[in-house]
Amino acid sequence: MTESNSGDERGDAAQPRRYIVSSSHLVSEQAAELSEFEFGLIIAGNAFGRWVVRCMAAAGMPDLSTLDVLVLHSVYHRARGKRLADICFVLNIEESHTVNYALKKLCRLGLVQRHRQGKEVVFEVTADGENCIRKYREVREACLVSTFSSLGGVEHRDLETLAKNLRVLSGLYDQAARSATSL
């Protein structure tokens, strides 16, 4: 935890605001809340990764990684075939070889199939893949959605706003990454 002289959440300048961060040496006086956000992003990202892997295991596919699960859902999205580039673009993944490896694994497991459409290679979910996704959804509804719905404290609009802000901030981080490569 690190302190800032910007006051507490009520604006009381006498009380320093305490930020919960993972790397106090990176906290900037200009944007200490950015470090707090990054720590939240780290722990939320890891919790989400654990969740999708365990949800998929409960659905009957215990040997899939987080990326494998995300790629499977992306391929199934809107029930249209997807190219490797489409999947990478939607998931904002630069290293296409990791997605290609996940697709090969999903094909080996019989969850995804590949075929040619003209010069393009397109991936689609198989009947076994659809069944797996249906089971995943059932586990998700039982373990996550039902609990979320009963919380009452987090409004759906709050999550909608948070999702929009995360997309905006991802653009900020992408721009900063481009800037860092030119230094």
N, C-alpha and C. Protein backbone atom coordinates (compact mmCIF):
# COMPACT_ATOMS: atom_id res chain seq x y z
N MET A 1 0.84 -1.16 0.00
CA MET A 1 0.00 0.00 0.00
C MET A 1 0.89 1.23 0.00
N THR A 2 0.51 2.23 -0.76
CA THR A 2 1.28 3.46 -0.82
C THR A 2 0.35 4.64 -0.59
N GLU A 3 0.91 5.77 -0.18
CA GLU A 3 0.10 6.94 0.14
C GLU A 3 0.31 8.04 -0.87
N SER A 4 -0.73 8.86 -1.01
CA SER A 4 -0.67 10.04 -1.85
C SER A 4 -1.24 11.20 -1.07
N ASN A 5 -0.79 12.39 -1.34
CA ASN A 5 -1.27 13.57 -0.62
C ASN A 5 -2.50 14.18 -1.26
N SER A 6 -3.16 13.47 -2.14
CA SER A 6 -4.32 14.03 -2.83
C SER A 6 -5.58 13.99 -1.99
N GLY A 7 -5.51 13.56 -0.75
CA GLY A 7 -6.69 13.49 0.10
C GLY A 7 -7.39 12.15 -0.04
N ASP A 8 -8.36 11.90 0.84
CA ASP A 8 -9.07 10.63 0.76
C ASP A 8 -10.21 10.74 -0.24
N GLU A 9 -11.04 9.71 -0.33
CA GLU A 9 -12.10 9.68 -1.33
C GLU A 9 -13.13 10.78 -1.11
N ARG A 10 -13.23 11.35 0.11
CA ARG A 10 -14.19 12.42 0.38
C ARG A 10 -13.59 13.78 0.09
N GLY A 11 -12.33 13.85 -0.32
CA GLY A 11 -11.69 15.11 -0.64
C GLY A 11 -11.02 15.76 0.55
N ASP A 12 -10.85 15.07 1.66
CA ASP A 12 -10.22 15.61 2.86
C ASP A 12 -8.70 15.63 2.65
N ALA A 13 -8.15 16.84 2.46
CA ALA A 13 -6.72 16.98 2.15
C ALA A 13 -5.85 16.62 3.34
N ALA A 14 -6.38 16.57 4.54
CA ALA A 14 -5.58 16.25 5.72
C ALA A 14 -5.25 14.77 5.78
N GLN A 15 -6.07 13.94 5.20
CA GLN A 15 -5.86 12.49 5.21
C GLN A 15 -5.27 12.05 3.87
N PRO A 16 -4.09 11.48 3.87
CA PRO A 16 -3.55 11.00 2.58
C PRO A 16 -4.36 9.81 2.07
N ARG A 17 -4.55 9.74 0.78
CA ARG A 17 -5.26 8.64 0.13
C ARG A 17 -4.32 7.46 0.07
N ARG A 18 -4.78 6.30 0.50
CA ARG A 18 -3.97 5.09 0.46
C ARG A 18 -4.38 4.25 -0.74
N TYR A 19 -3.40 3.95 -1.60
CA TYR A 19 -3.64 3.16 -2.79
C TYR A 19 -3.17 1.74 -2.56
N ILE A 20 -3.92 0.78 -3.04
CA ILE A 20 -3.53 -0.62 -2.99
C ILE A 20 -2.91 -0.95 -4.33
N VAL A 21 -1.60 -1.19 -4.33
CA VAL A 21 -0.86 -1.40 -5.57
C VAL A 21 0.05 -2.61 -5.43
N SER A 22 0.50 -3.11 -6.56
CA SER A 22 1.44 -4.24 -6.54
C SER A 22 2.89 -3.78 -6.64
N SER A 23 3.10 -2.59 -7.17
CA SER A 23 4.46 -2.11 -7.42
C SER A 23 4.56 -0.64 -7.01
N SER A 24 4.84 -0.40 -5.74
CA SER A 24 4.85 0.96 -5.24
C SER A 24 5.89 1.83 -5.95
N HIS A 25 6.94 1.22 -6.47
CA HIS A 25 7.97 1.99 -7.17
C HIS A 25 7.48 2.56 -8.50
N LEU A 26 6.32 2.13 -8.98
CA LEU A 26 5.78 2.64 -10.24
C LEU A 26 4.69 3.69 -10.03
N VAL A 27 4.31 3.92 -8.79
CA VAL A 27 3.24 4.88 -8.51
C VAL A 27 3.71 6.28 -8.87
N SER A 28 2.93 6.95 -9.69
CA SER A 28 3.25 8.30 -10.14
C SER A 28 2.39 9.30 -9.39
N GLU A 29 2.97 10.42 -9.02
CA GLU A 29 2.20 11.48 -8.38
C GLU A 29 1.12 12.00 -9.33
N GLN A 30 1.35 11.87 -10.64
CA GLN A 30 0.39 12.37 -11.63
C GLN A 30 -0.82 11.46 -11.78
N ALA A 31 -0.66 10.16 -11.49
CA ALA A 31 -1.76 9.21 -11.71
C ALA A 31 -1.60 7.98 -10.83
N ALA A 32 -1.63 8.18 -9.52
CA ALA A 32 -1.49 7.05 -8.60
C ALA A 32 -2.61 6.04 -8.78
N GLU A 33 -3.80 6.52 -9.12
CA GLU A 33 -4.94 5.62 -9.31
C GLU A 33 -4.72 4.67 -10.47
N LEU A 34 -3.84 5.02 -11.42
CA LEU A 34 -3.52 4.12 -12.52
C LEU A 34 -2.81 2.88 -11.99
N SER A 35 -1.93 3.04 -11.01
CA SER A 35 -1.25 1.89 -10.40
C SER A 35 -2.25 1.01 -9.66
N GLU A 36 -3.21 1.64 -9.00
CA GLU A 36 -4.24 0.87 -8.30
C GLU A 36 -5.10 0.10 -9.30
N PHE A 37 -5.44 0.75 -10.40
CA PHE A 37 -6.20 0.08 -11.47
C PHE A 37 -5.41 -1.11 -12.01
N GLU A 38 -4.11 -0.92 -12.25
CA GLU A 38 -3.29 -2.01 -12.80
C GLU A 38 -3.26 -3.21 -11.85
N PHE A 39 -3.17 -2.95 -10.55
CA PHE A 39 -3.19 -4.05 -9.60
C PHE A 39 -4.54 -4.77 -9.66
N GLY A 40 -5.62 -4.02 -9.72
CA GLY A 40 -6.94 -4.62 -9.86
C GLY A 40 -7.05 -5.44 -11.14
N LEU A 41 -6.48 -4.92 -12.21
CA LEU A 41 -6.50 -5.62 -13.48
C LEU A 41 -5.72 -6.94 -13.40
N ILE A 42 -4.58 -6.91 -12.73
CA ILE A 42 -3.76 -8.12 -12.57
C ILE A 42 -4.53 -9.19 -11.82
N ILE A 43 -5.08 -8.83 -10.67
CA ILE A 43 -5.76 -9.86 -9.88
C ILE A 43 -7.08 -10.29 -10.52
N ALA A 44 -7.78 -9.36 -11.18
CA ALA A 44 -9.02 -9.73 -11.88
C ALA A 44 -8.70 -10.63 -13.08
N GLY A 45 -7.64 -10.30 -13.81
CA GLY A 45 -7.26 -11.12 -14.96
C GLY A 45 -6.89 -12.54 -14.56
N ASN A 46 -6.15 -12.66 -13.46
CA ASN A 46 -5.78 -13.99 -12.98
C ASN A 46 -6.99 -14.75 -12.45
N ALA A 47 -7.88 -14.06 -11.76
CA ALA A 47 -9.10 -14.71 -11.25
C ALA A 47 -9.98 -15.16 -12.42
N PHE A 48 -10.10 -14.31 -13.43
CA PHE A 48 -10.90 -14.66 -14.60
C PHE A 48 -10.30 -15.88 -15.31
N GLY A 49 -8.98 -15.89 -15.47
CA GLY A 49 -8.33 -17.04 -16.11
C GLY A 49 -8.57 -18.33 -15.35
N ARG A 50 -8.45 -18.27 -14.03
CA ARG A 50 -8.73 -19.45 -13.19
C ARG A 50 -10.17 -19.89 -13.37
N TRP A 51 -11.08 -18.91 -13.39
CA TRP A 51 -12.50 -19.21 -13.51
C TRP A 51 -12.81 -19.93 -14.82
N VAL A 52 -12.36 -19.41 -15.97
CA VAL A 52 -12.73 -20.03 -17.25
C VAL A 52 -12.15 -21.44 -17.37
N VAL A 53 -10.96 -21.65 -16.84
CA VAL A 53 -10.35 -22.99 -16.88
C VAL A 53 -11.15 -23.96 -16.02
N ARG A 54 -11.52 -23.55 -14.82
CA ARG A 54 -12.26 -24.44 -13.92
C ARG A 54 -13.69 -24.63 -14.37
N CYS A 55 -14.28 -23.62 -14.96
CA CYS A 55 -15.62 -23.76 -15.52
C CYS A 55 -15.60 -24.78 -16.66
N MET A 56 -14.59 -24.69 -17.52
CA MET A 56 -14.48 -25.63 -18.63
C MET A 56 -14.20 -27.04 -18.12
N ALA A 57 -13.40 -27.15 -17.06
CA ALA A 57 -13.15 -28.47 -16.48
C ALA A 57 -14.45 -29.06 -15.94
N ALA A 58 -15.26 -28.25 -15.29
CA ALA A 58 -16.55 -28.72 -14.78
C ALA A 58 -17.49 -29.09 -15.92
N ALA A 59 -17.28 -28.49 -17.08
CA ALA A 59 -18.08 -28.80 -18.27
C ALA A 59 -17.57 -30.05 -18.99
N GLY A 60 -16.47 -30.62 -18.51
CA GLY A 60 -15.98 -31.88 -19.08
C GLY A 60 -14.70 -31.79 -19.87
N MET A 61 -14.07 -30.60 -19.95
CA MET A 61 -12.82 -30.47 -20.69
C MET A 61 -11.74 -29.91 -19.77
N PRO A 62 -11.11 -30.77 -18.98
CA PRO A 62 -10.17 -30.29 -17.96
C PRO A 62 -8.80 -29.87 -18.45
N ASP A 63 -8.45 -30.14 -19.68
CA ASP A 63 -7.08 -29.89 -20.13
C ASP A 63 -6.93 -28.65 -21.00
N LEU A 64 -7.87 -27.73 -20.91
CA LEU A 64 -7.79 -26.52 -21.73
C LEU A 64 -7.21 -25.37 -20.91
N SER A 65 -6.39 -24.56 -21.56
CA SER A 65 -5.84 -23.36 -20.92
C SER A 65 -6.84 -22.22 -21.07
N THR A 66 -6.55 -21.11 -20.42
CA THR A 66 -7.40 -19.94 -20.55
C THR A 66 -7.53 -19.53 -22.01
N LEU A 67 -6.41 -19.45 -22.71
CA LEU A 67 -6.44 -19.06 -24.12
C LEU A 67 -7.25 -20.05 -24.95
N ASP A 68 -7.11 -21.34 -24.69
CA ASP A 68 -7.89 -22.34 -25.42
C ASP A 68 -9.38 -22.08 -25.27
N VAL A 69 -9.81 -21.81 -24.05
CA VAL A 69 -11.23 -21.57 -23.78
C VAL A 69 -11.71 -20.30 -24.49
N LEU A 70 -10.91 -19.25 -24.40
CA LEU A 70 -11.30 -17.98 -25.05
C LEU A 70 -11.36 -18.14 -26.57
N VAL A 71 -10.44 -18.88 -27.13
CA VAL A 71 -10.43 -19.12 -28.58
C VAL A 71 -11.66 -19.94 -28.98
N LEU A 72 -11.98 -20.97 -28.21
CA LEU A 72 -13.17 -21.78 -28.50
C LEU A 72 -14.42 -20.91 -28.52
N HIS A 73 -14.59 -20.07 -27.51
CA HIS A 73 -15.76 -19.18 -27.48
C HIS A 73 -15.74 -18.19 -28.64
N SER A 74 -14.57 -17.70 -28.99
CA SER A 74 -14.46 -16.75 -30.10
C SER A 74 -14.84 -17.41 -31.43
N VAL A 75 -14.39 -18.64 -31.63
CA VAL A 75 -14.73 -19.36 -32.86
C VAL A 75 -16.25 -19.57 -32.93
N TYR A 76 -16.87 -19.85 -31.81
CA TYR A 76 -18.31 -20.11 -31.79
C TYR A 76 -19.16 -18.84 -31.91
N HIS A 77 -18.61 -17.71 -31.55
CA HIS A 77 -19.34 -16.44 -31.52
C HIS A 77 -20.10 -16.20 -32.81
N ARG A 78 -21.39 -15.98 -32.69
CA ARG A 78 -22.31 -15.69 -33.79
C ARG A 78 -22.42 -16.84 -34.80
N ALA A 79 -21.90 -18.02 -34.43
CA ALA A 79 -22.03 -19.23 -35.26
C ALA A 79 -21.56 -19.01 -36.70
N ARG A 80 -20.47 -18.27 -36.83
CA ARG A 80 -19.87 -18.05 -38.15
C ARG A 80 -18.41 -18.49 -38.10
N GLY A 81 -17.92 -19.04 -39.19
CA GLY A 81 -16.52 -19.43 -39.27
C GLY A 81 -15.61 -18.22 -39.08
N LYS A 82 -14.45 -18.47 -38.47
CA LYS A 82 -13.50 -17.39 -38.19
C LYS A 82 -12.12 -17.74 -38.75
N ARG A 83 -11.45 -16.73 -39.26
CA ARG A 83 -10.06 -16.87 -39.67
C ARG A 83 -9.17 -16.62 -38.45
N LEU A 84 -7.96 -17.09 -38.50
CA LEU A 84 -6.99 -16.86 -37.43
C LEU A 84 -6.86 -15.37 -37.15
N ALA A 85 -6.75 -14.56 -38.20
CA ALA A 85 -6.60 -13.11 -38.03
C ALA A 85 -7.81 -12.50 -37.33
N ASP A 86 -9.02 -13.01 -37.63
CA ASP A 86 -10.23 -12.50 -36.98
C ASP A 86 -10.19 -12.76 -35.48
N ILE A 87 -9.80 -13.95 -35.11
CA ILE A 87 -9.75 -14.33 -33.69
C ILE A 87 -8.72 -13.49 -32.97
N CYS A 88 -7.55 -13.34 -33.55
CA CYS A 88 -6.50 -12.52 -32.93
C CYS A 88 -6.96 -11.08 -32.77
N PHE A 89 -7.63 -10.55 -33.78
CA PHE A 89 -8.10 -9.17 -33.74
C PHE A 89 -9.12 -8.97 -32.62
N VAL A 90 -10.12 -9.84 -32.54
CA VAL A 90 -11.17 -9.71 -31.54
C VAL A 90 -10.61 -9.85 -30.13
N LEU A 91 -9.71 -10.80 -29.93
CA LEU A 91 -9.14 -11.02 -28.60
C LEU A 91 -7.96 -10.09 -28.30
N ASN A 92 -7.58 -9.26 -29.28
CA ASN A 92 -6.47 -8.31 -29.14
C ASN A 92 -5.17 -9.02 -28.79
N ILE A 93 -4.90 -10.08 -29.55
CA ILE A 93 -3.69 -10.88 -29.35
C ILE A 93 -2.75 -10.65 -30.52
N GLU A 94 -1.56 -10.19 -30.21
CA GLU A 94 -0.56 -9.89 -31.22
C GLU A 94 0.17 -11.16 -31.69
N GLU A 95 0.41 -12.07 -30.78
CA GLU A 95 1.18 -13.29 -31.08
C GLU A 95 0.27 -14.36 -31.66
N SER A 96 0.06 -14.31 -32.98
CA SER A 96 -0.89 -15.22 -33.62
C SER A 96 -0.49 -16.68 -33.47
N HIS A 97 0.80 -16.95 -33.25
CA HIS A 97 1.22 -18.35 -33.09
C HIS A 97 0.60 -18.99 -31.86
N THR A 98 0.32 -18.20 -30.81
CA THR A 98 -0.31 -18.78 -29.61
C THR A 98 -1.76 -19.15 -29.90
N VAL A 99 -2.44 -18.34 -30.69
CA VAL A 99 -3.82 -18.64 -31.06
C VAL A 99 -3.83 -19.82 -32.03
N ASN A 100 -2.87 -19.87 -32.94
CA ASN A 100 -2.77 -20.98 -33.88
C ASN A 100 -2.56 -22.30 -33.13
N TYR A 101 -1.71 -22.27 -32.11
CA TYR A 101 -1.48 -23.46 -31.29
C TYR A 101 -2.77 -23.89 -30.60
N ALA A 102 -3.51 -22.92 -30.04
CA ALA A 102 -4.78 -23.23 -29.39
C ALA A 102 -5.76 -23.85 -30.38
N LEU A 103 -5.81 -23.30 -31.60
CA LEU A 103 -6.71 -23.84 -32.62
C LEU A 103 -6.34 -25.28 -32.99
N LYS A 104 -5.04 -25.55 -33.12
CA LYS A 104 -4.60 -26.92 -33.42
C LYS A 104 -5.01 -27.87 -32.29
N LYS A 105 -4.86 -27.44 -31.05
CA LYS A 105 -5.24 -28.26 -29.90
C LYS A 105 -6.75 -28.51 -29.91
N LEU A 106 -7.54 -27.48 -30.18
CA LEU A 106 -8.99 -27.62 -30.21
C LEU A 106 -9.42 -28.53 -31.36
N CYS A 107 -8.71 -28.48 -32.48
CA CYS A 107 -8.98 -29.39 -33.60
C CYS A 107 -8.67 -30.83 -33.21
N ARG A 108 -7.52 -31.04 -32.55
CA ARG A 108 -7.12 -32.38 -32.10
C ARG A 108 -8.16 -32.97 -31.15
N LEU A 109 -8.75 -32.12 -30.31
CA LEU A 109 -9.74 -32.58 -29.34
C LEU A 109 -11.12 -32.75 -29.96
N GLY A 110 -11.26 -32.37 -31.23
CA GLY A 110 -12.54 -32.53 -31.92
C GLY A 110 -13.56 -31.45 -31.58
N LEU A 111 -13.12 -30.34 -31.02
CA LEU A 111 -14.03 -29.26 -30.66
C LEU A 111 -14.17 -28.23 -31.77
N VAL A 112 -13.15 -28.15 -32.61
CA VAL A 112 -13.10 -27.20 -33.72
C VAL A 112 -12.64 -27.95 -34.96
N GLN A 113 -13.12 -27.50 -36.10
CA GLN A 113 -12.64 -28.06 -37.37
C GLN A 113 -12.22 -26.91 -38.27
N ARG A 114 -11.31 -27.22 -39.15
CA ARG A 114 -10.84 -26.20 -40.10
C ARG A 114 -11.20 -26.65 -41.51
N HIS A 115 -11.45 -25.66 -42.34
CA HIS A 115 -11.70 -25.96 -43.75
C HIS A 115 -11.33 -24.72 -44.56
N ARG A 116 -11.25 -24.91 -45.85
CA ARG A 116 -10.88 -23.80 -46.74
C ARG A 116 -12.13 -23.16 -47.32
N GLN A 117 -12.08 -21.84 -47.37
CA GLN A 117 -13.07 -21.06 -48.11
C GLN A 117 -12.26 -20.24 -49.09
N GLY A 118 -12.17 -20.73 -50.31
CA GLY A 118 -11.29 -20.08 -51.28
C GLY A 118 -9.86 -20.24 -50.82
N LYS A 119 -9.16 -19.12 -50.67
CA LYS A 119 -7.76 -19.16 -50.22
C LYS A 119 -7.63 -19.08 -48.71
N GLU A 120 -8.72 -18.84 -48.03
CA GLU A 120 -8.70 -18.66 -46.57
C GLU A 120 -8.92 -19.98 -45.83
N VAL A 121 -8.29 -20.11 -44.67
CA VAL A 121 -8.57 -21.21 -43.76
C VAL A 121 -9.53 -20.66 -42.71
N VAL A 122 -10.65 -21.36 -42.53
CA VAL A 122 -11.70 -20.92 -41.62
C VAL A 122 -11.91 -22.00 -40.57
N PHE A 123 -12.14 -21.57 -39.34
CA PHE A 123 -12.36 -22.49 -38.22
C PHE A 123 -13.81 -22.38 -37.77
N GLU A 124 -14.40 -23.54 -37.48
CA GLU A 124 -15.77 -23.60 -36.98
C GLU A 124 -15.83 -24.62 -35.85
N VAL A 125 -16.78 -24.42 -34.97
CA VAL A 125 -16.98 -25.34 -33.85
C VAL A 125 -17.72 -26.57 -34.36
N THR A 126 -17.32 -27.73 -33.89
CA THR A 126 -17.98 -28.99 -34.25
C THR A 126 -19.20 -29.21 -33.34
N ALA A 127 -19.93 -30.27 -33.59
CA ALA A 127 -21.07 -30.62 -32.73
C ALA A 127 -20.57 -30.89 -31.31
N ASP A 128 -19.41 -31.57 -31.17
CA ASP A 128 -18.84 -31.80 -29.84
C ASP A 128 -18.46 -30.48 -29.18
N GLY A 129 -17.94 -29.56 -29.98
CA GLY A 129 -17.60 -28.24 -29.45
C GLY A 129 -18.82 -27.49 -28.97
N GLU A 130 -19.91 -27.55 -29.75
CA GLU A 130 -21.17 -26.91 -29.35
C GLU A 130 -21.69 -27.52 -28.05
N ASN A 131 -21.60 -28.82 -27.91
CA ASN A 131 -22.05 -29.49 -26.70
C ASN A 131 -21.21 -29.04 -25.50
N CYS A 132 -19.92 -28.93 -25.70
CA CYS A 132 -19.01 -28.48 -24.64
C CYS A 132 -19.36 -27.04 -24.22
N ILE A 133 -19.62 -26.19 -25.19
CA ILE A 133 -19.97 -24.79 -24.91
C ILE A 133 -21.30 -24.72 -24.18
N ARG A 134 -22.26 -25.57 -24.55
CA ARG A 134 -23.55 -25.61 -23.87
C ARG A 134 -23.36 -25.98 -22.40
N LYS A 135 -22.51 -27.00 -22.14
CA LYS A 135 -22.24 -27.40 -20.75
C LYS A 135 -21.53 -26.28 -19.99
N TYR A 136 -20.59 -25.60 -20.64
CA TYR A 136 -19.89 -24.48 -20.03
C TYR A 136 -20.89 -23.41 -19.61
N ARG A 137 -21.83 -23.12 -20.51
CA ARG A 137 -22.85 -22.11 -20.19
C ARG A 137 -23.69 -22.53 -18.99
N GLU A 138 -24.04 -23.80 -18.91
CA GLU A 138 -24.82 -24.30 -17.77
C GLU A 138 -24.06 -24.11 -16.46
N VAL A 139 -22.76 -24.45 -16.47
CA VAL A 139 -21.93 -24.27 -15.27
C VAL A 139 -21.83 -22.78 -14.94
N ARG A 140 -21.62 -21.96 -15.96
CA ARG A 140 -21.52 -20.51 -15.76
C ARG A 140 -22.79 -19.95 -15.14
N GLU A 141 -23.94 -20.36 -15.66
CA GLU A 141 -25.22 -19.90 -15.11
C GLU A 141 -25.37 -20.32 -13.65
N ALA A 142 -25.01 -21.57 -13.35
CA ALA A 142 -25.19 -22.08 -11.99
C ALA A 142 -24.21 -21.47 -10.99
N CYS A 143 -22.96 -21.29 -11.40
CA CYS A 143 -21.92 -20.88 -10.45
C CYS A 143 -21.63 -19.38 -10.43
N LEU A 144 -21.78 -18.71 -11.55
CA LEU A 144 -21.40 -17.30 -11.64
C LEU A 144 -22.60 -16.38 -11.77
N VAL A 145 -23.43 -16.63 -12.75
CA VAL A 145 -24.54 -15.72 -13.03
C VAL A 145 -25.54 -15.69 -11.88
N SER A 146 -25.86 -16.85 -11.34
CA SER A 146 -26.82 -16.88 -10.24
C SER A 146 -26.30 -16.13 -9.02
N THR A 147 -25.00 -16.25 -8.73
CA THR A 147 -24.40 -15.53 -7.61
C THR A 147 -24.37 -14.04 -7.89
N PHE A 148 -23.99 -13.67 -9.08
CA PHE A 148 -23.96 -12.25 -9.46
C PHE A 148 -25.35 -11.64 -9.34
N SER A 149 -26.34 -12.33 -9.82
CA SER A 149 -27.71 -11.82 -9.78
C SER A 149 -28.21 -11.62 -8.36
N SER A 150 -27.74 -12.44 -7.44
CA SER A 150 -28.21 -12.33 -6.05
C SER A 150 -27.43 -11.30 -5.23
N LEU A 151 -26.33 -10.77 -5.77
CA LEU A 151 -25.53 -9.80 -5.02
C LEU A 151 -26.30 -8.52 -4.71
N GLY A 152 -26.90 -7.96 -5.71
CA GLY A 152 -27.66 -6.74 -5.51
C GLY A 152 -26.82 -5.49 -5.40
N GLY A 153 -25.59 -5.57 -4.94
CA GLY A 153 -24.76 -4.39 -4.73
C GLY A 153 -24.16 -3.83 -6.01
N VAL A 154 -23.88 -4.68 -6.96
CA VAL A 154 -23.30 -4.25 -8.24
C VAL A 154 -24.43 -4.11 -9.25
N GLU A 155 -24.65 -2.92 -9.69
CA GLU A 155 -25.71 -2.67 -10.67
C GLU A 155 -25.22 -3.08 -12.06
N HIS A 156 -26.14 -3.51 -12.87
CA HIS A 156 -25.79 -3.91 -14.24
C HIS A 156 -25.21 -2.72 -15.01
N ARG A 157 -25.72 -1.52 -14.76
CA ARG A 157 -25.19 -0.32 -15.43
C ARG A 157 -23.74 -0.06 -15.00
N ASP A 158 -23.43 -0.37 -13.74
CA ASP A 158 -22.05 -0.20 -13.27
C ASP A 158 -21.11 -1.10 -14.06
N LEU A 159 -21.51 -2.33 -14.30
CA LEU A 159 -20.67 -3.25 -15.08
C LEU A 159 -20.57 -2.80 -16.53
N GLU A 160 -21.67 -2.28 -17.06
CA GLU A 160 -21.65 -1.78 -18.43
C GLU A 160 -20.66 -0.62 -18.56
N THR A 161 -20.68 0.29 -17.60
CA THR A 161 -19.75 1.42 -17.60
C THR A 161 -18.32 0.93 -17.42
N LEU A 162 -18.12 -0.01 -16.52
CA LEU A 162 -16.79 -0.58 -16.29
C LEU A 162 -16.27 -1.24 -17.56
N ALA A 163 -17.11 -1.98 -18.26
CA ALA A 163 -16.69 -2.65 -19.50
C ALA A 163 -16.27 -1.62 -20.55
N LYS A 164 -17.04 -0.54 -20.67
CA LYS A 164 -16.69 0.51 -21.63
C LYS A 164 -15.36 1.15 -21.25
N ASN A 165 -15.18 1.43 -19.96
CA ASN A 165 -13.93 2.04 -19.51
C ASN A 165 -12.74 1.11 -19.73
N LEU A 166 -12.93 -0.19 -19.54
CA LEU A 166 -11.84 -1.14 -19.79
C LEU A 166 -11.44 -1.14 -21.26
N ARG A 167 -12.43 -1.04 -22.15
CA ARG A 167 -12.11 -0.99 -23.58
C ARG A 167 -11.36 0.30 -23.92
N VAL A 168 -11.77 1.40 -23.33
CA VAL A 168 -11.07 2.67 -23.56
C VAL A 168 -9.64 2.59 -23.03
N LEU A 169 -9.49 2.07 -21.82
CA LEU A 169 -8.15 1.96 -21.23
C LEU A 169 -7.27 1.00 -22.01
N SER A 170 -7.86 -0.04 -22.60
CA SER A 170 -7.04 -0.95 -23.42
C SER A 170 -6.46 -0.20 -24.61
N GLY A 171 -7.22 0.73 -25.15
CA GLY A 171 -6.70 1.57 -26.24
C GLY A 171 -5.55 2.44 -25.77
N LEU A 172 -5.65 2.97 -24.56
CA LEU A 172 -4.58 3.76 -23.97
C LEU A 172 -3.30 2.93 -23.82
N TYR A 173 -3.46 1.70 -23.31
CA TYR A 173 -2.30 0.82 -23.15
C TYR A 173 -1.72 0.41 -24.51
N ASP A 174 -2.59 0.16 -25.50
CA ASP A 174 -2.09 -0.17 -26.84
C ASP A 174 -1.28 0.98 -27.43
N GLN A 175 -1.80 2.21 -27.26
CA GLN A 175 -1.07 3.38 -27.76
C GLN A 175 0.26 3.54 -27.04
N ALA A 176 0.26 3.35 -25.73
CA ALA A 176 1.51 3.45 -24.96
C ALA A 176 2.50 2.37 -25.41
N ALA A 177 2.01 1.18 -25.73
CA ALA A 177 2.90 0.10 -26.20
C ALA A 177 3.53 0.49 -27.54
N ARG A 178 2.74 1.10 -28.43
CA ARG A 178 3.29 1.55 -29.71
C ARG A 178 4.35 2.63 -29.48
N SER A 179 4.05 3.55 -28.56
CA SER A 179 5.02 4.62 -28.24
C SER A 179 6.31 4.04 -27.67
N ALA A 180 6.18 3.03 -26.81
CA ALA A 180 7.36 2.44 -26.18
C ALA A 180 8.28 1.77 -27.20
N THR A 181 7.72 1.23 -28.28
CA THR A 181 8.56 0.59 -29.28
C THR A 181 9.38 1.58 -30.07
N SER A 182 9.00 2.85 -30.05
CA SER A 182 9.75 3.86 -30.81
C SER A 182 10.78 4.61 -29.94
N LEU A 183 10.87 4.25 -28.68
CA LEU A 183 11.84 4.92 -27.80
C LEU A 183 13.24 4.40 -28.03
